[in-house]
N, C-alpha and C. Protein backbone atom coordinates (compact mmCIF):
# COMPACT_ATOMS: atom_id res chain seq x y z
N UNK A 1 4.99 -16.20 -11.16
CA UNK A 1 5.75 -15.78 -9.62
C UNK A 1 7.16 -15.28 -9.78
N UNK A 2 7.44 -13.59 -9.48
CA UNK A 2 8.52 -12.58 -9.85
C UNK A 2 9.66 -13.14 -8.56
N UNK A 3 10.82 -12.86 -8.87
CA UNK A 3 12.22 -12.82 -8.17
C UNK A 3 11.28 -12.85 -6.36
N UNK A 4 11.07 -11.89 -5.93
CA UNK A 4 10.78 -11.11 -5.17
C UNK A 4 10.32 -12.34 -4.02
N UNK A 5 8.71 -12.87 -4.39
CA UNK A 5 7.87 -13.42 -4.42
C UNK A 5 8.60 -15.05 -3.66
N UNK A 6 9.31 -14.97 -4.51
CA UNK A 6 10.41 -16.35 -4.59
C UNK A 6 11.31 -16.27 -3.85
N UNK A 7 12.21 -15.73 -4.00
CA UNK A 7 13.20 -14.97 -2.47
C UNK A 7 12.30 -14.99 -1.04
N UNK A 8 11.07 -14.72 -1.02
CA UNK A 8 10.27 -14.25 0.32
C UNK A 8 9.68 -15.67 0.84
N UNK A 9 9.54 -16.59 -0.67
CA UNK A 9 9.21 -18.29 0.29
C UNK A 9 10.05 -19.02 0.11
N UNK A 10 10.89 -18.67 -0.64
CA UNK A 10 12.12 -20.10 -0.39
C UNK A 10 12.78 -19.61 1.11
N UNK A 11 12.16 -19.31 1.69
CA UNK A 11 12.30 -18.97 3.10
C UNK A 11 11.64 -20.42 4.00
N UNK A 12 10.74 -21.05 3.53
CA UNK A 12 10.21 -22.50 3.94
C UNK A 12 11.58 -23.33 3.31
N UNK A 13 11.65 -23.14 2.85
CA UNK A 13 13.00 -23.82 2.13
C UNK A 13 14.05 -24.31 3.56
N UNK A 14 14.37 -22.92 3.38
CA UNK A 14 15.37 -22.46 4.75
C UNK A 14 14.88 -22.85 6.65
N UNK A 15 13.71 -22.85 6.63
CA UNK A 15 13.33 -23.40 7.70
C UNK A 15 12.78 -24.55 7.63
N UNK A 16 12.70 -25.37 6.93
CA UNK A 16 12.53 -26.59 6.57
C UNK A 16 13.61 -27.49 6.79
N UNK A 17 14.93 -27.10 6.56
CA UNK A 17 15.71 -27.64 6.74
C UNK A 17 16.50 -27.57 7.81
N UNK A 18 16.22 -26.38 8.66
CA UNK A 18 16.74 -26.19 10.06
C UNK A 18 16.03 -27.37 10.84
N UNK A 19 15.03 -28.00 10.63
CA UNK A 19 14.33 -29.28 11.70
C UNK A 19 14.71 -30.25 11.69
N UNK A 20 15.46 -30.67 10.64
CA UNK A 20 17.22 -31.65 10.92
C UNK A 20 17.60 -31.17 12.07
N UNK A 21 18.16 -29.85 12.08
CA UNK A 21 18.88 -29.92 13.44
C UNK A 21 19.17 -30.32 14.32
N UNK A 22 19.68 -30.64 15.23
CA UNK A 22 19.54 -30.91 16.66
C UNK A 22 18.79 -30.34 17.14
N UNK A 23 18.11 -30.98 17.88
CA UNK A 23 16.95 -30.48 18.94
C UNK A 23 17.59 -29.07 20.05
N UNK A 24 18.61 -29.57 20.82
CA UNK A 24 19.08 -28.69 22.01
C UNK A 24 19.34 -27.65 21.34
N UNK A 25 20.14 -27.36 20.19
CA UNK A 25 20.59 -26.66 19.57
C UNK A 25 19.61 -25.34 19.26
N UNK A 26 18.27 -25.54 18.61
CA UNK A 26 17.34 -24.96 17.99
C UNK A 26 16.44 -24.76 19.82
N UNK A 27 16.97 -24.52 20.78
CA UNK A 27 15.97 -23.87 22.00
C UNK A 27 16.99 -23.13 22.59
N UNK A 28 18.47 -22.60 22.08
CA UNK A 28 19.22 -22.63 23.14
C UNK A 28 19.32 -20.63 22.17
N UNK A 29 19.69 -19.31 23.20
CA UNK A 29 19.85 -18.82 22.35
C UNK A 29 20.41 -17.86 21.67
N UNK A 30 20.50 -17.54 20.36
CA UNK A 30 22.15 -17.78 19.46
C UNK A 30 22.55 -16.37 19.77
N UNK A 31 23.09 -15.65 20.51
CA UNK A 31 23.54 -15.66 21.74
C UNK A 31 23.00 -14.46 22.52
N UNK A 32 23.96 -14.85 23.34
CA UNK A 32 23.67 -14.35 25.54
C UNK A 32 22.24 -13.23 25.06
N UNK A 33 21.30 -13.30 25.49
CA UNK A 33 20.06 -12.49 25.73
C UNK A 33 19.34 -12.00 23.89
N UNK A 34 19.79 -12.68 23.49
CA UNK A 34 19.00 -12.85 22.29
C UNK A 34 17.89 -14.15 21.89
N UNK A 35 17.11 -14.16 21.28
CA UNK A 35 15.71 -14.72 21.10
C UNK A 35 16.87 -16.46 20.54
N UNK A 36 16.50 -17.75 20.81
CA UNK A 36 16.85 -18.88 20.19
C UNK A 36 16.07 -19.17 18.44
N UNK A 37 16.15 -20.05 17.77
CA UNK A 37 15.95 -20.49 16.65
C UNK A 37 14.58 -20.57 16.80
N UNK A 38 14.12 -21.48 17.47
CA UNK A 38 12.60 -21.72 17.92
C UNK A 38 11.95 -21.05 18.02
N UNK A 39 12.60 -19.90 18.46
CA UNK A 39 11.67 -18.34 18.90
C UNK A 39 11.70 -17.60 17.63
N UNK A 40 12.87 -17.56 16.78
CA UNK A 40 12.99 -16.56 15.58
C UNK A 40 11.94 -17.19 14.85
N UNK A 41 11.66 -18.35 14.70
CA UNK A 41 10.52 -18.86 13.42
C UNK A 41 9.58 -18.67 14.74
N UNK A 42 9.28 -18.79 15.78
CA UNK A 42 8.22 -18.08 15.79
C UNK A 42 7.58 -16.50 15.74
N UNK A 43 8.89 -16.15 16.14
CA UNK A 43 8.28 -14.34 15.41
C UNK A 43 8.14 -14.41 14.10
N UNK A 44 8.89 -14.75 12.79
CA UNK A 44 8.57 -14.98 11.42
C UNK A 44 7.10 -15.20 11.03
N UNK A 45 6.48 -16.22 11.87
CA UNK A 45 5.29 -16.58 11.69
C UNK A 45 4.23 -15.96 12.53
N UNK A 46 4.42 -15.13 14.05
CA UNK A 46 3.90 -13.86 14.58
C UNK A 46 3.34 -12.98 13.14
N UNK A 47 4.40 -12.49 12.71
CA UNK A 47 4.43 -10.86 12.32
C UNK A 47 4.08 -11.55 10.42
N UNK A 48 3.95 -12.93 9.29
CA UNK A 48 3.89 -13.42 8.77
C UNK A 48 1.31 -13.32 8.77
N UNK A 49 1.46 -13.33 9.89
CA UNK A 49 -0.24 -14.01 10.70
C UNK A 49 -0.80 -12.19 10.81
N UNK A 50 0.12 -11.90 11.22
CA UNK A 50 0.02 -9.89 11.30
C UNK A 50 -0.52 -9.65 9.70
N UNK A 51 0.34 -9.92 8.93
CA UNK A 51 0.65 -9.34 7.86
C UNK A 51 -0.59 -9.84 6.92
N UNK A 52 -1.31 -11.27 6.88
CA UNK A 52 -2.24 -12.19 6.04
C UNK A 52 -3.41 -11.86 6.75
N UNK A 53 -3.75 -11.22 8.44
CA UNK A 53 -4.89 -11.01 8.67
C UNK A 53 -4.41 -9.65 8.68
N UNK A 54 -4.47 -8.72 8.63
CA UNK A 54 -4.64 -7.27 9.25
C UNK A 54 -4.16 -6.28 7.81
N UNK A 55 -3.11 -6.61 7.15
CA UNK A 55 -2.53 -5.66 5.92
C UNK A 55 -3.30 -5.91 4.70
N UNK A 56 -2.63 -7.62 4.20
CA UNK A 56 -3.50 -8.05 3.71
C UNK A 56 -4.73 -7.04 3.12
N UNK A 57 -5.63 -7.80 3.41
CA UNK A 57 -6.83 -7.46 2.68
C UNK A 57 -7.62 -6.94 3.22
N UNK A 58 -6.43 -4.99 3.59
CA UNK A 58 -7.08 -4.26 2.99
C UNK A 58 -6.00 -3.46 2.29
N UNK A 59 -5.20 -3.73 1.20
CA UNK A 59 -4.10 -3.42 0.34
C UNK A 59 -5.08 -3.07 -0.73
N UNK A 60 -5.71 -2.18 -1.01
CA UNK A 60 -6.70 -1.39 -2.24
C UNK A 60 -6.32 -0.26 -2.64
N UNK A 61 -6.78 0.08 -4.05
CA UNK A 61 -5.62 1.36 -4.83
C UNK A 61 -5.81 2.59 -3.42
N UNK A 62 -5.22 3.17 -3.25
CA UNK A 62 -5.29 4.59 -2.58
C UNK A 62 -5.54 4.25 -0.91
N UNK A 63 -5.49 3.26 -0.41
CA UNK A 63 -5.76 3.18 0.87
C UNK A 63 -4.98 3.58 1.87
N UNK A 64 -5.02 3.96 2.62
CA UNK A 64 -3.95 3.92 4.13
C UNK A 64 -4.27 2.70 4.73
N UNK A 65 -3.08 1.82 4.89
CA UNK A 65 -3.10 0.62 6.11
C UNK A 65 -2.43 1.21 7.54
N UNK A 66 -3.37 0.29 8.06
CA UNK A 66 -2.87 0.98 9.56
C UNK A 66 -0.64 0.93 10.34
N UNK A 67 -0.67 2.05 11.32
CA UNK A 67 0.66 1.28 11.13
C UNK A 67 0.88 -0.29 11.70
N UNK A 68 2.59 -0.20 11.80
CA UNK A 68 2.45 -1.71 12.29
C UNK A 68 2.39 -0.95 13.53
N UNK A 69 2.54 -2.35 14.38
CA UNK A 69 1.81 -1.90 15.82
C UNK A 69 3.83 -2.12 16.72
N UNK A 70 3.48 -1.47 17.75
CA UNK A 70 4.70 -1.70 18.01
C UNK A 70 5.77 -2.70 18.34
N UNK A 71 6.68 -2.96 17.45
CA UNK A 71 7.76 -3.51 17.47
C UNK A 71 8.03 -4.85 18.52
N UNK A 72 8.04 -4.07 19.48
CA UNK A 72 8.49 -4.98 21.38
C UNK A 72 7.61 -5.44 21.90
N UNK A 73 6.12 -4.78 20.92
CA UNK A 73 5.27 -5.11 22.12
C UNK A 73 4.69 -6.50 21.06
N UNK A 74 4.92 -6.59 20.00
CA UNK A 74 4.38 -7.11 18.71
C UNK A 74 4.57 -8.67 19.05
N UNK A 75 6.30 -8.41 18.92
CA UNK A 75 7.37 -9.54 19.41
C UNK A 75 7.26 -9.85 20.65
N UNK A 76 7.09 -9.84 21.56
CA UNK A 76 6.58 -10.69 23.10
C UNK A 76 5.64 -10.87 23.27
N UNK A 77 4.44 -10.54 22.81
CA UNK A 77 3.55 -11.43 22.53
C UNK A 77 3.01 -12.91 21.72
N UNK A 78 3.65 -12.39 20.61
CA UNK A 78 3.87 -13.42 19.45
C UNK A 78 4.95 -14.94 20.18
N UNK A 79 5.68 -14.48 21.00
CA UNK A 79 6.17 -15.63 21.69
C UNK A 79 5.81 -15.75 22.09
N UNK A 80 4.88 -14.80 23.66
CA UNK A 80 4.13 -15.67 24.97
C UNK A 80 3.17 -16.79 23.88
N UNK A 81 2.11 -16.18 22.69
CA UNK A 81 1.29 -16.93 22.78
C UNK A 81 2.00 -18.09 21.88
N UNK A 82 2.87 -18.72 21.73
CA UNK A 82 3.50 -20.17 21.09
C UNK A 82 3.99 -20.55 22.18
N UNK A 83 4.61 -19.96 23.81
CA UNK A 83 4.56 -20.89 24.89
C UNK A 83 3.54 -21.79 24.71
N UNK A 84 4.48 -23.15 24.65
CA UNK A 84 4.41 -24.96 25.16
C UNK A 84 4.07 -25.34 23.91
N UNK A 85 4.40 -24.71 22.44
CA UNK A 85 3.95 -25.04 21.28
C UNK A 85 5.38 -25.47 21.03
N UNK A 86 5.17 -27.20 20.44
CA UNK A 86 6.83 -27.61 20.07
C UNK A 86 7.27 -26.83 18.75
N UNK A 87 7.91 -27.47 19.09
CA UNK A 87 8.97 -26.46 17.53
C UNK A 87 8.41 -27.34 16.15
N UNK A 88 8.03 -28.30 16.17
CA UNK A 88 7.60 -28.85 14.48
C UNK A 88 5.93 -28.46 14.47
N UNK A 89 5.15 -27.80 15.59
CA UNK A 89 4.24 -27.00 15.81
C UNK A 89 4.24 -25.62 15.08
N UNK A 90 5.20 -24.82 15.88
CA UNK A 90 5.76 -24.03 15.02
C UNK A 90 6.40 -24.24 13.68
N UNK A 91 7.01 -24.38 13.00
CA UNK A 91 8.13 -24.19 11.76
C UNK A 91 5.97 -24.54 10.55
N UNK A 92 5.45 -25.56 11.32
CA UNK A 92 4.16 -26.21 11.06
C UNK A 92 2.99 -24.66 10.65
N UNK A 93 3.02 -24.20 11.71
CA UNK A 93 2.02 -22.45 11.68
C UNK A 93 3.05 -21.90 10.81
N UNK A 94 4.27 -21.80 10.54
CA UNK A 94 4.95 -20.66 9.82
C UNK A 94 4.83 -20.95 8.59
N UNK A 95 5.04 -22.15 7.71
CA UNK A 95 5.04 -22.74 6.51
C UNK A 95 3.57 -23.00 6.04
N UNK A 96 2.51 -23.03 6.47
CA UNK A 96 1.09 -22.56 6.30
C UNK A 96 0.88 -21.17 6.21
N UNK A 97 1.07 -20.57 7.27
CA UNK A 97 1.26 -19.24 7.13
C UNK A 97 1.74 -18.57 5.82
N UNK A 98 3.08 -18.85 5.68
CA UNK A 98 3.92 -18.08 4.73
C UNK A 98 2.98 -18.42 3.51
N UNK A 99 2.31 -19.11 3.02
CA UNK A 99 2.22 -19.81 2.13
C UNK A 99 1.25 -19.21 1.92
N UNK A 100 0.06 -18.48 2.89
CA UNK A 100 -1.17 -17.86 2.58
C UNK A 100 -1.13 -17.01 2.09
N UNK A 101 0.05 -16.11 2.99
CA UNK A 101 0.50 -14.48 2.84
C UNK A 101 0.90 -14.12 1.46
N UNK A 102 1.35 -15.29 0.92
CA UNK A 102 1.75 -15.28 -0.18
C UNK A 102 0.56 -15.51 -1.74
N UNK A 103 0.02 -15.80 -1.00
CA UNK A 103 -1.18 -16.59 -1.97
C UNK A 103 -2.18 -15.42 -2.10
N UNK A 104 -2.32 -14.55 -0.65
CA UNK A 104 -2.66 -13.38 -0.42
C UNK A 104 -2.60 -12.48 -1.09
N UNK A 105 -1.43 -11.96 -0.62
CA UNK A 105 -0.28 -10.49 -1.67
C UNK A 105 -0.41 -10.92 -3.14
N UNK A 106 -0.23 -12.16 -3.90
CA UNK A 106 -0.57 -12.42 -4.90
C UNK A 106 -1.83 -11.97 -5.77
N UNK A 107 -2.64 -12.05 -5.21
CA UNK A 107 -4.13 -11.41 -5.35
C UNK A 107 -4.74 -9.85 -5.34
N UNK A 108 -3.60 -9.09 -4.58
CA UNK A 108 -3.33 -8.21 -4.81
C UNK A 108 -2.87 -7.65 -6.30
N UNK A 109 -3.10 -6.67 -7.38
CA UNK A 109 -2.79 -6.26 -8.37
C UNK A 109 -1.70 -5.27 -8.46
N UNK A 110 -0.83 -5.53 -9.04
CA UNK A 110 0.80 -4.84 -9.35
C UNK A 110 0.56 -3.72 -9.12
N UNK A 111 -0.24 -2.85 -9.77
CA UNK A 111 -0.39 -1.60 -9.99
C UNK A 111 -1.04 -0.96 -8.46
N UNK A 112 -1.70 -1.94 -7.55
CA UNK A 112 -2.19 -1.00 -6.95
C UNK A 112 -1.10 -0.60 -6.01
N UNK A 113 -1.52 0.76 -5.20
CA UNK A 113 -0.79 1.40 -4.47
C UNK A 113 -1.54 1.65 -3.32
N UNK A 114 -0.59 2.37 -1.98
CA UNK A 114 -1.42 1.85 -0.47
C UNK A 114 -0.47 2.82 0.06
N UNK A 115 -0.38 3.01 1.40
CA UNK A 115 0.75 4.15 1.90
C UNK A 115 0.23 3.10 3.80
N UNK A 116 1.01 3.01 4.57
CA UNK A 116 1.05 2.17 5.51
C UNK A 116 0.93 3.76 6.85
N UNK A 117 0.40 3.65 7.93
CA UNK A 117 0.13 4.95 8.81
C UNK A 117 0.30 6.07 8.68
N UNK A 118 1.56 7.02 8.99
CA UNK A 118 1.92 8.37 8.85
C UNK A 118 2.61 8.64 7.27
N UNK A 119 2.55 7.89 6.89
CA UNK A 119 3.98 7.37 5.97
C UNK A 119 3.24 7.91 5.05
N UNK A 120 3.88 8.58 4.10
CA UNK A 120 3.60 8.95 2.49
C UNK A 120 4.22 8.18 1.35
N UNK A 121 5.22 7.08 2.12
CA UNK A 121 5.58 6.17 0.78
C UNK A 121 4.87 5.41 0.32
N UNK A 122 4.56 5.33 -1.14
CA UNK A 122 3.39 4.44 -1.48
C UNK A 122 4.43 3.03 -2.06
N UNK A 123 3.37 2.42 -1.52
CA UNK A 123 3.62 0.94 -1.64
C UNK A 123 3.09 0.48 -2.55
N UNK A 124 3.11 -1.07 -2.57
CA UNK A 124 2.80 -2.11 -4.11
C UNK A 124 2.60 -3.38 -2.85
N UNK A 125 2.16 -4.38 -3.57
CA UNK A 125 2.52 -5.98 -2.96
C UNK A 125 3.68 -5.98 -2.63
N UNK A 126 4.51 -5.88 -4.33
CA UNK A 126 5.47 -6.48 -4.07
C UNK A 126 7.01 -5.44 -2.83
N UNK A 127 6.40 -4.47 -2.87
CA UNK A 127 7.60 -3.36 -2.06
C UNK A 127 7.21 -3.78 -0.63
N UNK A 128 5.67 -4.16 -0.21
CA UNK A 128 5.65 -4.53 1.31
C UNK A 128 6.41 -5.62 1.34
N UNK A 129 6.20 -7.10 0.58
CA UNK A 129 7.24 -8.23 0.72
C UNK A 129 7.87 -7.69 0.96
N UNK A 130 9.28 -7.02 0.43
CA UNK A 130 10.53 -6.58 -0.03
C UNK A 130 11.35 -6.43 2.26
N UNK A 131 9.90 -5.70 2.24
CA UNK A 131 10.39 -5.30 4.00
C UNK A 131 10.48 -6.33 4.60
N UNK A 132 9.71 -7.35 4.35
CA UNK A 132 9.72 -8.80 4.70
C UNK A 132 11.07 -10.00 4.95
N UNK A 133 11.15 -9.55 3.03
CA UNK A 133 11.88 -10.28 3.06
C UNK A 133 13.25 -9.76 3.78
N UNK A 134 13.49 -8.29 3.78
CA UNK A 134 15.01 -8.08 4.52
C UNK A 134 14.80 -8.78 5.65
N UNK A 135 13.42 -8.29 6.15
CA UNK A 135 13.58 -9.19 7.69
C UNK A 135 13.39 -10.30 7.55
N UNK A 136 13.32 -11.42 6.91
CA UNK A 136 14.12 -12.95 6.88
C UNK A 136 15.83 -12.60 6.84
N UNK A 137 16.10 -12.28 5.98
CA UNK A 137 17.29 -12.17 5.57
C UNK A 137 18.31 -12.33 6.61
N UNK A 138 17.97 -11.04 7.78
CA UNK A 138 18.27 -10.94 8.77
C UNK A 138 18.48 -11.87 9.73
N UNK A 139 17.49 -12.58 9.82
CA UNK A 139 16.99 -13.72 10.75
C UNK A 139 18.07 -14.82 10.48
N UNK A 140 17.72 -14.98 9.06
CA UNK A 140 18.24 -16.77 8.33
C UNK A 140 20.07 -16.05 8.77
N UNK A 141 20.22 -15.35 8.34
CA UNK A 141 21.71 -14.90 8.64
C UNK A 141 22.25 -15.40 10.32
N UNK A 142 21.16 -15.39 11.09
CA UNK A 142 21.57 -14.96 13.15
C UNK A 142 21.33 -16.72 12.41
N UNK A 143 20.52 -17.58 12.00
CA UNK A 143 20.72 -18.78 11.99
C UNK A 143 21.66 -19.21 12.11
N UNK A 144 22.07 -19.00 10.09
CA UNK A 144 23.36 -19.92 9.83
C UNK A 144 24.31 -19.43 10.58
N UNK A 145 24.80 -18.37 11.45
CA UNK A 145 25.63 -18.29 11.83
C UNK A 145 25.47 -19.08 13.20
N UNK A 146 24.20 -19.06 13.59
CA UNK A 146 24.72 -19.97 15.10
C UNK A 146 24.49 -21.44 14.33
N UNK A 147 24.32 -22.23 13.44
CA UNK A 147 24.65 -23.48 12.77
C UNK A 147 25.73 -23.47 13.10
N UNK A 148 26.36 -22.66 12.46
CA UNK A 148 27.70 -22.81 11.55
C UNK A 148 28.63 -23.74 12.59
């Protein structure tokens, strides 16, 4: 597995470490008007779920994948669907889904190129994952700042 996929997988370790944190801290917003760490983990899970179910199965040579859903709507839907689920359940869902996403995208041939929505940029499985690796890093920085 190359460096990009290893980094993407390493988010699992970061999230696993968080589970040892004082529970109430994980339920507090990271800043006023922002999500809690619990909600951020759910948010990461919900994007992984979307990618493994919708995007990766369509990653064929010269395919045009659907555009990403409206981010605000997708994020709100993801948070709503996790209402009432325990932090442990959300972490478990995140870990299982992240592993499924990595396993499935590794099955896409490295030379396969596709576009997304109306974009003209050609993606590979790896360049697609880089988008979400940056997304992970953004949210992990928020989490680390809250727990510092």
